[in-house]
């Protein structure tokens, strides 16, 4: 059985940020950003294959894109897993990964 990882993506200029939604919840969301493995950042001008994650070395770009993506998700009511349930269905919470 094939299963893909739910992800939200934003691109701005040369940078592209991936936010893996389940990991965002499991890794502690924005409160644990320093060691959260839910975020990947790539310079798509110099790294077309997206092989080198820059999320910890380009913190300003990461934070800018992450904040814009979370704000967009909040403004649009985009579905986001926010709490683990026995039915594996998303329940009310917020995009910061805090319940």
N, C-alpha and C. Protein backbone atom coordinates (compact mmCIF):
# COMPACT_ATOMS: atom_id res chain seq x y z
N UNK A 1 0.85 -1.17 0.00
CA UNK A 1 0.00 0.00 0.00
C UNK A 1 0.90 1.24 0.00
N UNK A 2 0.64 2.16 -0.90
CA UNK A 2 1.41 3.39 -0.99
C UNK A 2 0.73 4.49 -0.20
N UNK A 3 1.51 5.25 0.54
CA UNK A 3 0.96 6.37 1.30
C UNK A 3 1.93 7.53 1.17
N UNK A 4 1.42 8.67 0.75
CA UNK A 4 2.27 9.86 0.67
C UNK A 4 2.12 10.68 1.94
N UNK A 5 3.06 11.58 2.15
CA UNK A 5 3.04 12.45 3.32
C UNK A 5 2.29 13.73 2.99
N UNK A 6 1.25 14.08 3.76
CA UNK A 6 0.56 15.35 3.52
C UNK A 6 1.52 16.51 3.72
N UNK A 7 1.54 17.42 2.76
CA UNK A 7 2.51 18.52 2.79
C UNK A 7 1.86 19.79 2.25
N UNK A 8 2.25 20.92 2.81
CA UNK A 8 1.90 22.23 2.28
C UNK A 8 3.20 22.87 1.81
N UNK A 9 3.13 23.60 0.70
CA UNK A 9 4.34 24.17 0.10
C UNK A 9 4.10 25.63 -0.22
N UNK A 10 5.14 26.45 -0.02
CA UNK A 10 5.11 27.85 -0.42
C UNK A 10 6.43 28.17 -1.12
N UNK A 11 6.34 28.98 -2.15
CA UNK A 11 7.54 29.41 -2.87
C UNK A 11 7.56 30.94 -2.93
N UNK A 12 8.74 31.50 -2.69
CA UNK A 12 8.92 32.94 -2.76
C UNK A 12 10.33 33.20 -3.24
N UNK A 13 10.45 33.86 -4.40
CA UNK A 13 11.77 34.11 -4.96
C UNK A 13 12.48 32.80 -5.25
N UNK A 14 13.70 32.68 -4.79
CA UNK A 14 14.51 31.47 -5.03
C UNK A 14 14.22 30.36 -4.02
N UNK A 15 13.40 30.63 -3.01
CA UNK A 15 13.22 29.67 -1.93
C UNK A 15 11.86 28.98 -1.98
N UNK A 16 11.88 27.71 -1.59
CA UNK A 16 10.67 26.89 -1.53
C UNK A 16 10.69 26.15 -0.19
N UNK A 17 9.59 26.26 0.54
CA UNK A 17 9.48 25.65 1.86
C UNK A 17 8.42 24.54 1.81
N UNK A 18 8.77 23.38 2.36
CA UNK A 18 7.84 22.26 2.52
C UNK A 18 7.49 22.17 4.01
N UNK A 19 6.21 22.07 4.31
CA UNK A 19 5.75 21.86 5.68
C UNK A 19 5.00 20.53 5.71
N UNK A 20 5.61 19.51 6.29
CA UNK A 20 5.00 18.19 6.39
C UNK A 20 4.04 18.20 7.57
N UNK A 21 2.75 18.07 7.27
CA UNK A 21 1.69 18.37 8.23
C UNK A 21 1.65 17.43 9.42
N UNK A 22 1.81 16.14 9.20
CA UNK A 22 1.77 15.21 10.33
C UNK A 22 2.98 15.39 11.25
N UNK A 23 4.15 15.56 10.65
CA UNK A 23 5.35 15.79 11.45
C UNK A 23 5.27 17.09 12.24
N UNK A 24 4.63 18.10 11.65
CA UNK A 24 4.45 19.39 12.33
C UNK A 24 3.76 19.17 13.66
N UNK A 25 2.72 18.37 13.66
CA UNK A 25 2.01 18.05 14.89
C UNK A 25 2.89 17.21 15.82
N UNK A 26 3.46 16.14 15.29
CA UNK A 26 4.21 15.22 16.12
C UNK A 26 5.50 15.82 16.69
N UNK A 27 6.14 16.73 15.94
CA UNK A 27 7.41 17.32 16.38
C UNK A 27 7.23 18.57 17.23
N UNK A 28 6.00 18.99 17.49
CA UNK A 28 5.78 20.10 18.42
C UNK A 28 5.47 21.43 17.80
N UNK A 29 5.29 21.50 16.48
CA UNK A 29 4.90 22.75 15.83
C UNK A 29 5.91 23.86 16.00
N UNK A 30 5.41 25.07 16.00
CA UNK A 30 6.27 26.26 16.05
C UNK A 30 7.02 26.38 17.38
N UNK A 31 6.44 25.85 18.44
CA UNK A 31 7.08 25.93 19.75
C UNK A 31 8.41 25.18 19.80
N UNK A 32 8.58 24.19 18.92
CA UNK A 32 9.81 23.39 18.92
C UNK A 32 10.50 23.48 17.56
N UNK A 33 10.48 24.65 16.98
CA UNK A 33 10.99 24.88 15.64
C UNK A 33 12.48 24.55 15.51
N UNK A 34 13.26 24.74 16.57
CA UNK A 34 14.70 24.52 16.51
C UNK A 34 15.07 23.08 16.19
N UNK A 35 14.20 22.12 16.53
CA UNK A 35 14.53 20.73 16.21
C UNK A 35 13.38 20.02 15.50
N UNK A 36 12.49 20.78 14.92
CA UNK A 36 11.34 20.22 14.21
C UNK A 36 11.78 19.73 12.84
N UNK A 37 11.49 18.49 12.53
CA UNK A 37 11.89 17.90 11.24
C UNK A 37 10.77 17.99 10.20
N UNK A 38 9.74 18.78 10.49
CA UNK A 38 8.59 18.91 9.60
C UNK A 38 8.83 19.93 8.50
N UNK A 39 9.90 20.69 8.59
CA UNK A 39 10.13 21.78 7.65
C UNK A 39 11.40 21.52 6.84
N UNK A 40 11.28 21.73 5.54
CA UNK A 40 12.45 21.69 4.65
C UNK A 40 12.44 22.95 3.81
N UNK A 41 13.61 23.53 3.59
CA UNK A 41 13.75 24.75 2.80
C UNK A 41 14.81 24.51 1.74
N UNK A 42 14.50 24.89 0.51
CA UNK A 42 15.42 24.70 -0.60
C UNK A 42 15.59 25.98 -1.40
N UNK A 43 16.79 26.20 -1.91
CA UNK A 43 17.03 27.25 -2.89
C UNK A 43 16.88 26.59 -4.24
N UNK A 44 15.75 26.82 -4.90
CA UNK A 44 15.46 26.09 -6.13
C UNK A 44 16.20 26.66 -7.34
N UNK A 45 16.85 27.80 -7.18
CA UNK A 45 17.69 28.31 -8.26
C UNK A 45 19.00 27.54 -8.33
N UNK A 46 19.58 27.26 -7.15
CA UNK A 46 20.88 26.58 -7.11
C UNK A 46 20.77 25.07 -6.85
N UNK A 47 19.60 24.62 -6.43
CA UNK A 47 19.40 23.21 -6.06
C UNK A 47 18.07 22.73 -6.65
N UNK A 48 18.05 22.59 -7.96
CA UNK A 48 16.81 22.24 -8.66
C UNK A 48 16.23 20.90 -8.22
N UNK A 49 17.06 20.00 -7.80
CA UNK A 49 16.60 18.68 -7.35
C UNK A 49 16.17 18.64 -5.90
N UNK A 50 16.29 19.75 -5.20
CA UNK A 50 15.91 19.86 -3.79
C UNK A 50 16.60 18.78 -2.94
N UNK A 51 17.92 18.78 -2.98
CA UNK A 51 18.71 17.80 -2.24
C UNK A 51 19.27 18.35 -0.92
N UNK A 52 19.46 19.68 -0.83
CA UNK A 52 20.11 20.28 0.34
C UNK A 52 19.11 21.11 1.13
N UNK A 53 18.71 20.60 2.28
CA UNK A 53 17.76 21.29 3.16
C UNK A 53 18.48 22.44 3.86
N UNK A 54 17.97 23.65 3.67
CA UNK A 54 18.58 24.86 4.24
C UNK A 54 17.80 25.40 5.44
N UNK A 55 16.87 24.64 5.97
CA UNK A 55 15.98 25.16 7.01
C UNK A 55 16.69 25.59 8.29
N UNK A 56 17.85 25.03 8.56
CA UNK A 56 18.57 25.42 9.79
C UNK A 56 19.69 26.41 9.51
N UNK A 57 20.10 26.54 8.27
CA UNK A 57 21.17 27.49 7.95
C UNK A 57 20.65 28.81 7.38
N UNK A 58 19.43 28.84 6.91
CA UNK A 58 18.81 30.06 6.36
C UNK A 58 17.54 30.35 7.16
N UNK A 59 17.73 30.64 8.43
CA UNK A 59 16.62 30.77 9.37
C UNK A 59 15.69 31.93 9.00
N UNK A 60 16.22 33.04 8.54
CA UNK A 60 15.36 34.19 8.19
C UNK A 60 14.40 33.83 7.06
N UNK A 61 14.91 33.17 6.01
CA UNK A 61 14.05 32.76 4.91
C UNK A 61 13.04 31.71 5.36
N UNK A 62 13.50 30.78 6.18
CA UNK A 62 12.59 29.74 6.70
C UNK A 62 11.45 30.38 7.48
N UNK A 63 11.79 31.27 8.40
CA UNK A 63 10.76 31.89 9.24
C UNK A 63 9.79 32.74 8.43
N UNK A 64 10.32 33.48 7.46
CA UNK A 64 9.46 34.32 6.62
C UNK A 64 8.45 33.47 5.85
N UNK A 65 8.92 32.43 5.18
CA UNK A 65 8.02 31.59 4.40
C UNK A 65 7.07 30.80 5.30
N UNK A 66 7.58 30.29 6.41
CA UNK A 66 6.73 29.54 7.33
C UNK A 66 5.61 30.42 7.87
N UNK A 67 5.94 31.63 8.30
CA UNK A 67 4.92 32.53 8.83
C UNK A 67 3.87 32.88 7.78
N UNK A 68 4.31 33.10 6.54
CA UNK A 68 3.36 33.39 5.47
C UNK A 68 2.46 32.20 5.19
N UNK A 69 3.03 31.00 5.18
CA UNK A 69 2.24 29.80 4.92
C UNK A 69 1.24 29.55 6.05
N UNK A 70 1.68 29.65 7.29
CA UNK A 70 0.77 29.44 8.42
C UNK A 70 -0.34 30.49 8.44
N UNK A 71 -0.01 31.74 8.10
CA UNK A 71 -1.02 32.79 8.04
C UNK A 71 -2.05 32.49 6.95
N UNK A 72 -1.57 32.06 5.78
CA UNK A 72 -2.48 31.71 4.69
C UNK A 72 -3.38 30.55 5.10
N UNK A 73 -2.80 29.53 5.73
CA UNK A 73 -3.59 28.39 6.17
C UNK A 73 -4.65 28.82 7.17
N UNK A 74 -4.28 29.69 8.08
CA UNK A 74 -5.22 30.19 9.08
C UNK A 74 -6.32 31.02 8.42
N UNK A 75 -5.96 31.91 7.51
CA UNK A 75 -6.93 32.78 6.85
C UNK A 75 -7.91 32.01 5.97
N UNK A 76 -7.46 30.94 5.36
CA UNK A 76 -8.31 30.19 4.44
C UNK A 76 -9.02 29.01 5.11
N UNK A 77 -8.65 28.71 6.34
CA UNK A 77 -9.24 27.55 7.01
C UNK A 77 -8.77 26.24 6.42
N UNK A 78 -7.56 26.24 5.87
CA UNK A 78 -7.01 25.02 5.27
C UNK A 78 -6.96 23.91 6.32
N UNK A 79 -7.40 22.70 5.95
CA UNK A 79 -7.38 21.60 6.92
C UNK A 79 -5.96 21.23 7.31
N UNK A 80 -5.78 20.93 8.56
CA UNK A 80 -4.47 20.59 9.09
C UNK A 80 -4.65 19.61 10.22
N UNK A 81 -3.94 18.48 10.22
CA UNK A 81 -4.03 17.61 11.38
C UNK A 81 -3.49 18.36 12.60
N UNK A 82 -4.29 18.43 13.64
CA UNK A 82 -3.87 19.20 14.81
C UNK A 82 -3.83 18.38 16.08
N UNK A 83 -4.44 17.21 16.05
CA UNK A 83 -4.40 16.36 17.22
C UNK A 83 -4.59 14.92 16.77
N UNK A 84 -3.89 14.00 17.39
CA UNK A 84 -4.02 12.60 17.04
C UNK A 84 -5.28 12.06 17.71
N UNK A 85 -6.11 11.37 16.93
CA UNK A 85 -7.32 10.74 17.46
C UNK A 85 -7.33 9.28 17.05
N UNK A 86 -8.17 8.51 17.68
CA UNK A 86 -8.26 7.09 17.33
C UNK A 86 -8.81 6.89 15.93
N UNK A 87 -9.58 7.85 15.42
CA UNK A 87 -10.13 7.73 14.07
C UNK A 87 -9.19 8.29 13.01
N UNK A 88 -8.08 8.91 13.44
CA UNK A 88 -7.12 9.55 12.54
C UNK A 88 -7.74 10.66 11.70
N UNK A 89 -8.80 11.29 12.20
CA UNK A 89 -9.41 12.42 11.51
C UNK A 89 -8.97 13.70 12.21
N UNK A 90 -8.68 14.76 11.42
CA UNK A 90 -8.28 16.02 12.04
C UNK A 90 -9.38 16.57 12.94
N UNK A 91 -8.98 17.18 14.04
CA UNK A 91 -9.91 17.81 14.96
C UNK A 91 -9.49 19.26 15.16
N UNK A 92 -10.35 20.04 15.77
CA UNK A 92 -10.07 21.47 15.94
C UNK A 92 -8.77 21.70 16.68
N UNK A 93 -8.05 22.70 16.23
CA UNK A 93 -6.80 23.11 16.84
C UNK A 93 -6.31 24.34 16.11
N UNK A 94 -5.05 24.61 16.15
CA UNK A 94 -4.54 25.77 15.40
C UNK A 94 -3.30 25.39 14.61
N UNK A 95 -2.97 26.25 13.64
CA UNK A 95 -1.89 25.93 12.72
C UNK A 95 -0.51 25.99 13.35
N UNK A 96 -0.41 26.51 14.54
CA UNK A 96 0.88 26.53 15.22
C UNK A 96 1.24 25.17 15.76
N UNK A 97 0.34 24.19 15.64
CA UNK A 97 0.61 22.86 16.13
C UNK A 97 0.33 22.72 17.61
N UNK A 98 -0.37 23.70 18.16
CA UNK A 98 -0.70 23.69 19.59
C UNK A 98 -2.20 23.45 19.73
N UNK A 99 -2.59 22.59 20.65
CA UNK A 99 -4.01 22.31 20.88
C UNK A 99 -4.49 22.97 22.14
